[in-house]
Amino acid sequence: MNVARKPIKIEKTKNFIVEDYKDPPKKQVLRYRSKKLEDGSVLTFAVLRGKGPEGGRTKLVNVKYPKRGRETDDAEGRKAPVPLHGAGGSARSRSTPRRRVSRSSARSRSRSLSRSRNVA
């Protein structure tokens, strides 16, 4: 059963809003790993020694939400500008990486296609 976890502490740093969760016992922790999401949030996981109740070996330790993505008021009551994603970049989205094909595999693929057309 998956139950929503409540953060034990919410802290504000220069660039992030950090939600800390209860840490697992130090003896069970092998290492810590972090994963950055597309919206700029950073998730930090603890990799544990044994398997969990549902077979997993990781536990969420903290979540960092970027301040720049949220609208915040400054001292004069103006809204902070929201950055435009992809401005000045290429037309291709960064979430879909460009597929790279070596020249030799591209040649062999075109040869096999031309041979199959000639046979028929």
N, C-alpha and C. Protein backbone atom coordinates (compact mmCIF):
# COMPACT_ATOMS: atom_id res chain seq x y z
N MET A 1 0.85 -1.18 0.00
CA MET A 1 0.00 0.00 0.00
C MET A 1 0.88 1.23 0.00
N ASN A 2 0.60 2.14 -0.89
CA ASN A 2 1.41 3.35 -1.05
C ASN A 2 0.74 4.51 -0.31
N VAL A 3 1.38 5.00 0.73
CA VAL A 3 0.84 6.09 1.52
C VAL A 3 1.67 7.34 1.26
N ALA A 4 1.02 8.49 1.09
CA ALA A 4 1.73 9.74 0.86
C ALA A 4 2.54 10.10 2.10
N ARG A 5 3.80 10.46 1.89
CA ARG A 5 4.67 10.81 3.01
C ARG A 5 4.63 12.31 3.25
N LYS A 6 4.66 12.69 4.50
CA LYS A 6 4.66 14.10 4.86
C LYS A 6 6.10 14.55 5.12
N PRO A 7 6.47 15.72 4.63
CA PRO A 7 7.83 16.21 4.90
C PRO A 7 7.99 16.59 6.36
N ILE A 8 9.18 16.32 6.92
CA ILE A 8 9.44 16.68 8.31
C ILE A 8 9.92 18.12 8.43
N LYS A 9 10.46 18.67 7.30
CA LYS A 9 10.96 20.04 7.33
C LYS A 9 10.88 20.64 5.94
N ILE A 10 10.44 21.90 5.85
CA ILE A 10 10.45 22.64 4.60
C ILE A 10 11.36 23.84 4.79
N GLU A 11 12.36 23.94 3.94
CA GLU A 11 13.40 24.95 4.09
C GLU A 11 13.52 25.73 2.79
N LYS A 12 13.81 27.02 2.88
CA LYS A 12 14.00 27.85 1.70
C LYS A 12 15.47 28.24 1.59
N THR A 13 16.08 27.90 0.45
CA THR A 13 17.45 28.29 0.18
C THR A 13 17.44 29.39 -0.88
N LYS A 14 18.61 29.73 -1.41
CA LYS A 14 18.70 30.82 -2.37
C LYS A 14 17.90 30.52 -3.64
N ASN A 15 18.02 29.31 -4.18
CA ASN A 15 17.39 28.98 -5.44
C ASN A 15 16.31 27.91 -5.35
N PHE A 16 16.17 27.26 -4.21
CA PHE A 16 15.26 26.13 -4.10
C PHE A 16 14.38 26.21 -2.86
N ILE A 17 13.25 25.52 -2.93
CA ILE A 17 12.42 25.22 -1.75
C ILE A 17 12.61 23.74 -1.50
N VAL A 18 13.16 23.38 -0.34
CA VAL A 18 13.56 22.00 -0.06
C VAL A 18 12.58 21.37 0.93
N GLU A 19 12.06 20.20 0.55
CA GLU A 19 11.22 19.40 1.45
C GLU A 19 12.03 18.20 1.89
N ASP A 20 12.33 18.10 3.20
CA ASP A 20 13.09 16.97 3.74
C ASP A 20 12.14 15.93 4.31
N TYR A 21 12.46 14.67 4.05
CA TYR A 21 11.70 13.56 4.60
C TYR A 21 12.57 12.80 5.58
N LYS A 22 11.97 11.91 6.34
CA LYS A 22 12.71 11.14 7.35
C LYS A 22 13.75 10.26 6.66
N ASP A 23 15.00 10.32 7.15
CA ASP A 23 16.08 9.53 6.57
C ASP A 23 16.00 8.09 7.05
N PRO A 24 16.39 7.13 6.18
CA PRO A 24 16.47 5.73 6.61
C PRO A 24 17.68 5.55 7.53
N PRO A 25 17.76 4.43 8.25
CA PRO A 25 18.92 4.20 9.13
C PRO A 25 20.24 4.19 8.35
N LYS A 26 21.27 4.80 8.92
CA LYS A 26 22.57 4.95 8.24
C LYS A 26 23.19 3.60 7.87
N LYS A 27 22.95 2.57 8.67
CA LYS A 27 23.53 1.25 8.41
C LYS A 27 22.97 0.62 7.14
N GLN A 28 21.76 1.01 6.75
CA GLN A 28 21.14 0.42 5.58
C GLN A 28 21.47 1.17 4.28
N VAL A 29 21.98 2.39 4.40
CA VAL A 29 22.22 3.23 3.22
C VAL A 29 23.55 2.86 2.56
N LEU A 30 23.49 2.51 1.27
CA LEU A 30 24.71 2.26 0.50
C LEU A 30 25.25 3.54 -0.10
N ARG A 31 24.34 4.34 -0.72
CA ARG A 31 24.74 5.59 -1.38
C ARG A 31 23.51 6.45 -1.58
N TYR A 32 23.75 7.68 -2.00
CA TYR A 32 22.66 8.60 -2.33
C TYR A 32 22.74 8.92 -3.82
N ARG A 33 21.59 9.01 -4.45
CA ARG A 33 21.51 9.35 -5.86
C ARG A 33 20.47 10.44 -6.04
N SER A 34 20.70 11.35 -6.99
CA SER A 34 19.73 12.40 -7.25
C SER A 34 19.30 12.34 -8.71
N LYS A 35 18.06 12.74 -8.95
CA LYS A 35 17.48 12.72 -10.29
C LYS A 35 16.88 14.08 -10.55
N LYS A 36 17.27 14.71 -11.66
CA LYS A 36 16.74 16.03 -12.02
C LYS A 36 15.61 15.84 -13.02
N LEU A 37 14.46 16.43 -12.74
CA LEU A 37 13.30 16.33 -13.61
C LEU A 37 13.30 17.48 -14.62
N GLU A 38 12.42 17.38 -15.64
CA GLU A 38 12.38 18.39 -16.69
C GLU A 38 11.97 19.77 -16.18
N ASP A 39 11.13 19.81 -15.13
CA ASP A 39 10.68 21.10 -14.61
C ASP A 39 11.71 21.76 -13.71
N GLY A 40 12.88 21.13 -13.49
CA GLY A 40 13.93 21.70 -12.67
C GLY A 40 13.97 21.17 -11.26
N SER A 41 13.00 20.35 -10.87
CA SER A 41 12.99 19.77 -9.53
C SER A 41 14.07 18.70 -9.43
N VAL A 42 14.64 18.57 -8.23
CA VAL A 42 15.68 17.57 -7.99
C VAL A 42 15.20 16.65 -6.88
N LEU A 43 15.18 15.33 -7.17
CA LEU A 43 14.79 14.33 -6.19
C LEU A 43 16.05 13.62 -5.70
N THR A 44 16.20 13.46 -4.38
CA THR A 44 17.35 12.76 -3.83
C THR A 44 16.85 11.47 -3.19
N PHE A 45 17.45 10.35 -3.58
CA PHE A 45 17.07 9.04 -3.09
C PHE A 45 18.21 8.43 -2.32
N ALA A 46 17.87 7.58 -1.32
CA ALA A 46 18.86 6.77 -0.62
C ALA A 46 18.73 5.36 -1.17
N VAL A 47 19.85 4.76 -1.60
CA VAL A 47 19.86 3.39 -2.08
C VAL A 47 20.15 2.51 -0.87
N LEU A 48 19.24 1.58 -0.57
CA LEU A 48 19.33 0.76 0.64
C LEU A 48 19.90 -0.62 0.34
N ARG A 49 20.34 -1.30 1.39
CA ARG A 49 20.94 -2.63 1.26
C ARG A 49 19.90 -3.69 0.92
N GLY A 50 18.83 -3.79 1.68
CA GLY A 50 17.84 -4.85 1.47
C GLY A 50 16.69 -4.38 0.62
N LYS A 51 15.85 -5.34 0.23
CA LYS A 51 14.66 -5.00 -0.55
C LYS A 51 13.57 -4.50 0.37
N GLY A 52 12.75 -3.59 -0.16
CA GLY A 52 11.62 -3.06 0.60
C GLY A 52 10.42 -3.99 0.52
N PRO A 53 9.29 -3.57 1.10
CA PRO A 53 8.10 -4.42 1.10
C PRO A 53 7.54 -4.69 -0.29
N GLU A 54 7.79 -3.78 -1.23
CA GLU A 54 7.30 -3.99 -2.59
C GLU A 54 8.44 -4.28 -3.55
N GLY A 55 9.60 -4.63 -3.03
CA GLY A 55 10.74 -5.01 -3.86
C GLY A 55 11.70 -3.90 -4.20
N GLY A 56 11.39 -2.65 -3.82
CA GLY A 56 12.27 -1.52 -4.14
C GLY A 56 13.42 -1.40 -3.18
N ARG A 57 14.49 -0.76 -3.64
CA ARG A 57 15.66 -0.56 -2.79
C ARG A 57 15.99 0.91 -2.60
N THR A 58 15.10 1.80 -2.99
CA THR A 58 15.36 3.22 -2.83
C THR A 58 14.29 3.85 -1.96
N LYS A 59 14.68 4.95 -1.32
CA LYS A 59 13.74 5.70 -0.49
C LYS A 59 13.99 7.19 -0.73
N LEU A 60 12.91 7.95 -0.88
CA LEU A 60 13.02 9.38 -1.14
C LEU A 60 13.50 10.09 0.12
N VAL A 61 14.54 10.92 -0.04
CA VAL A 61 15.11 11.63 1.11
C VAL A 61 14.70 13.09 1.10
N ASN A 62 14.81 13.77 -0.08
CA ASN A 62 14.33 15.15 -0.16
C ASN A 62 13.97 15.52 -1.59
N VAL A 63 13.18 16.59 -1.70
CA VAL A 63 12.76 17.12 -3.00
C VAL A 63 13.09 18.60 -3.00
N LYS A 64 13.72 19.06 -4.09
CA LYS A 64 14.06 20.48 -4.22
C LYS A 64 13.28 21.04 -5.40
N TYR A 65 12.42 22.02 -5.12
CA TYR A 65 11.66 22.70 -6.17
C TYR A 65 12.35 24.02 -6.48
N PRO A 66 12.56 24.36 -7.75
CA PRO A 66 13.22 25.64 -8.07
C PRO A 66 12.31 26.82 -7.78
N LYS A 67 12.90 27.90 -7.27
CA LYS A 67 12.12 29.11 -7.01
C LYS A 67 11.81 29.85 -8.30
N ARG A 68 12.69 29.77 -9.29
CA ARG A 68 12.52 30.56 -10.51
C ARG A 68 11.29 30.15 -11.30
N GLY A 69 10.84 28.93 -11.18
CA GLY A 69 9.68 28.47 -11.92
C GLY A 69 8.37 28.93 -11.31
N ARG A 70 8.39 29.32 -10.05
CA ARG A 70 7.19 29.76 -9.36
C ARG A 70 7.09 31.27 -9.42
N GLU A 71 5.88 31.77 -9.47
CA GLU A 71 5.70 33.22 -9.48
C GLU A 71 5.79 33.74 -8.04
N THR A 72 6.72 34.64 -7.81
CA THR A 72 6.89 35.23 -6.49
C THR A 72 6.82 36.74 -6.61
N ASP A 73 6.34 37.38 -5.58
CA ASP A 73 6.24 38.84 -5.58
C ASP A 73 7.53 39.43 -5.04
N ASP A 74 7.93 40.57 -5.59
CA ASP A 74 9.07 41.27 -5.03
C ASP A 74 8.57 42.33 -4.04
N ALA A 75 9.45 43.19 -3.57
CA ALA A 75 9.10 44.16 -2.53
C ALA A 75 8.06 45.17 -3.00
N GLU A 76 8.01 45.47 -4.31
CA GLU A 76 7.08 46.48 -4.82
C GLU A 76 5.76 45.87 -5.31
N GLY A 77 5.58 44.58 -5.12
CA GLY A 77 4.33 43.96 -5.49
C GLY A 77 4.23 43.51 -6.94
N ARG A 78 5.35 43.58 -7.67
CA ARG A 78 5.33 43.14 -9.06
C ARG A 78 5.57 41.64 -9.13
N LYS A 79 5.01 41.02 -10.13
CA LYS A 79 5.23 39.59 -10.34
C LYS A 79 6.60 39.38 -10.97
N ALA A 80 7.28 38.31 -10.55
CA ALA A 80 8.57 37.98 -11.13
C ALA A 80 8.35 37.40 -12.52
N PRO A 81 9.21 37.75 -13.49
CA PRO A 81 9.03 37.22 -14.85
C PRO A 81 9.30 35.72 -14.89
N VAL A 82 8.51 35.01 -15.66
CA VAL A 82 8.69 33.57 -15.82
C VAL A 82 9.58 33.36 -17.02
N PRO A 83 10.68 32.58 -16.88
CA PRO A 83 11.60 32.40 -18.00
C PRO A 83 10.95 31.60 -19.12
N LEU A 84 11.29 31.96 -20.36
CA LEU A 84 10.79 31.23 -21.53
C LEU A 84 11.72 30.07 -21.81
N HIS A 85 11.17 28.86 -21.82
CA HIS A 85 12.00 27.68 -22.08
C HIS A 85 12.15 27.51 -23.58
N GLY A 86 13.36 27.22 -24.00
CA GLY A 86 13.62 26.97 -25.40
C GLY A 86 13.89 28.23 -26.21
N ALA A 87 13.91 29.39 -25.58
CA ALA A 87 14.17 30.62 -26.33
C ALA A 87 15.63 30.64 -26.77
N GLY A 88 15.84 30.87 -28.05
CA GLY A 88 17.20 30.94 -28.58
C GLY A 88 17.82 29.58 -28.84
N GLY A 89 17.11 28.51 -28.59
CA GLY A 89 17.64 27.18 -28.84
C GLY A 89 17.21 26.65 -30.18
N SER A 90 17.47 25.40 -30.39
CA SER A 90 17.08 24.79 -31.66
C SER A 90 15.60 24.42 -31.62
N ALA A 91 15.07 24.09 -32.79
CA ALA A 91 13.65 23.74 -32.88
C ALA A 91 13.38 22.39 -32.25
N ARG A 92 14.39 21.52 -32.19
CA ARG A 92 14.21 20.19 -31.61
C ARG A 92 14.12 20.29 -30.09
N SER A 93 13.21 19.54 -29.53
CA SER A 93 13.03 19.53 -28.08
C SER A 93 14.18 18.79 -27.43
N ARG A 94 14.60 19.25 -26.26
CA ARG A 94 15.69 18.59 -25.56
C ARG A 94 15.24 17.26 -24.95
N SER A 95 13.95 17.09 -24.75
CA SER A 95 13.47 15.85 -24.14
C SER A 95 13.57 14.68 -25.11
N THR A 96 13.65 14.95 -26.41
CA THR A 96 13.80 13.87 -27.38
C THR A 96 15.19 13.97 -27.99
N PRO A 97 16.12 13.15 -27.52
CA PRO A 97 17.49 13.23 -28.04
C PRO A 97 17.56 12.80 -29.50
N ARG A 98 18.51 13.37 -30.19
CA ARG A 98 18.69 13.07 -31.60
C ARG A 98 19.26 11.67 -31.75
N ARG A 99 18.68 10.88 -32.64
CA ARG A 99 19.13 9.52 -32.86
C ARG A 99 20.35 9.55 -33.76
N ARG A 100 21.42 8.93 -33.30
CA ARG A 100 22.65 8.91 -34.08
C ARG A 100 22.81 7.54 -34.74
N VAL A 101 23.09 7.57 -36.01
CA VAL A 101 23.29 6.34 -36.78
C VAL A 101 24.64 6.43 -37.44
N SER A 102 25.44 5.38 -37.29
CA SER A 102 26.76 5.39 -37.93
C SER A 102 26.59 5.26 -39.44
N ARG A 103 27.59 5.73 -40.17
CA ARG A 103 27.50 5.70 -41.63
C ARG A 103 27.43 4.28 -42.16
N SER A 104 28.19 3.38 -41.55
CA SER A 104 28.22 2.00 -42.05
C SER A 104 26.86 1.33 -41.89
N SER A 105 26.20 1.56 -40.75
CA SER A 105 24.89 0.93 -40.56
C SER A 105 23.85 1.56 -41.48
N ALA A 106 23.97 2.85 -41.78
CA ALA A 106 23.05 3.50 -42.69
C ALA A 106 23.25 2.96 -44.12
N ARG A 107 24.51 2.73 -44.52
CA ARG A 107 24.79 2.17 -45.84
C ARG A 107 24.23 0.76 -45.96
N SER A 108 24.48 -0.08 -44.95
CA SER A 108 24.02 -1.46 -45.03
C SER A 108 22.49 -1.52 -45.07
N ARG A 109 21.84 -0.60 -44.34
CA ARG A 109 20.39 -0.57 -44.35
C ARG A 109 19.87 -0.20 -45.74
N SER A 110 20.51 0.79 -46.39
CA SER A 110 20.06 1.20 -47.73
C SER A 110 20.35 0.10 -48.76
N ARG A 111 21.46 -0.61 -48.61
CA ARG A 111 21.78 -1.71 -49.52
C ARG A 111 20.78 -2.84 -49.41
N SER A 112 20.43 -3.19 -48.17
CA SER A 112 19.49 -4.29 -47.98
C SER A 112 18.11 -3.92 -48.53
N LEU A 113 17.73 -2.65 -48.42
CA LEU A 113 16.45 -2.22 -48.98
C LEU A 113 16.48 -2.28 -50.50
N SER A 114 17.59 -1.86 -51.12
CA SER A 114 17.67 -1.87 -52.58
C SER A 114 17.72 -3.30 -53.11
N ARG A 115 18.37 -4.21 -52.39
CA ARG A 115 18.41 -5.61 -52.82
C ARG A 115 17.04 -6.25 -52.78
N SER A 116 16.28 -5.94 -51.71
CA SER A 116 14.95 -6.54 -51.60
C SER A 116 14.03 -6.02 -52.70
N ARG A 117 14.23 -4.79 -53.13
CA ARG A 117 13.40 -4.23 -54.22
C ARG A 117 13.76 -4.87 -55.56
N ASN A 118 15.08 -5.15 -55.77
CA ASN A 118 15.52 -5.74 -57.03
C ASN A 118 15.09 -7.19 -57.20
N VAL A 119 14.95 -7.92 -56.11
CA VAL A 119 14.59 -9.34 -56.16
C VAL A 119 13.18 -9.51 -56.67
N ALA A 120 12.26 -8.67 -56.23
CA ALA A 120 10.85 -8.84 -56.59
C ALA A 120 10.52 -8.52 -58.01
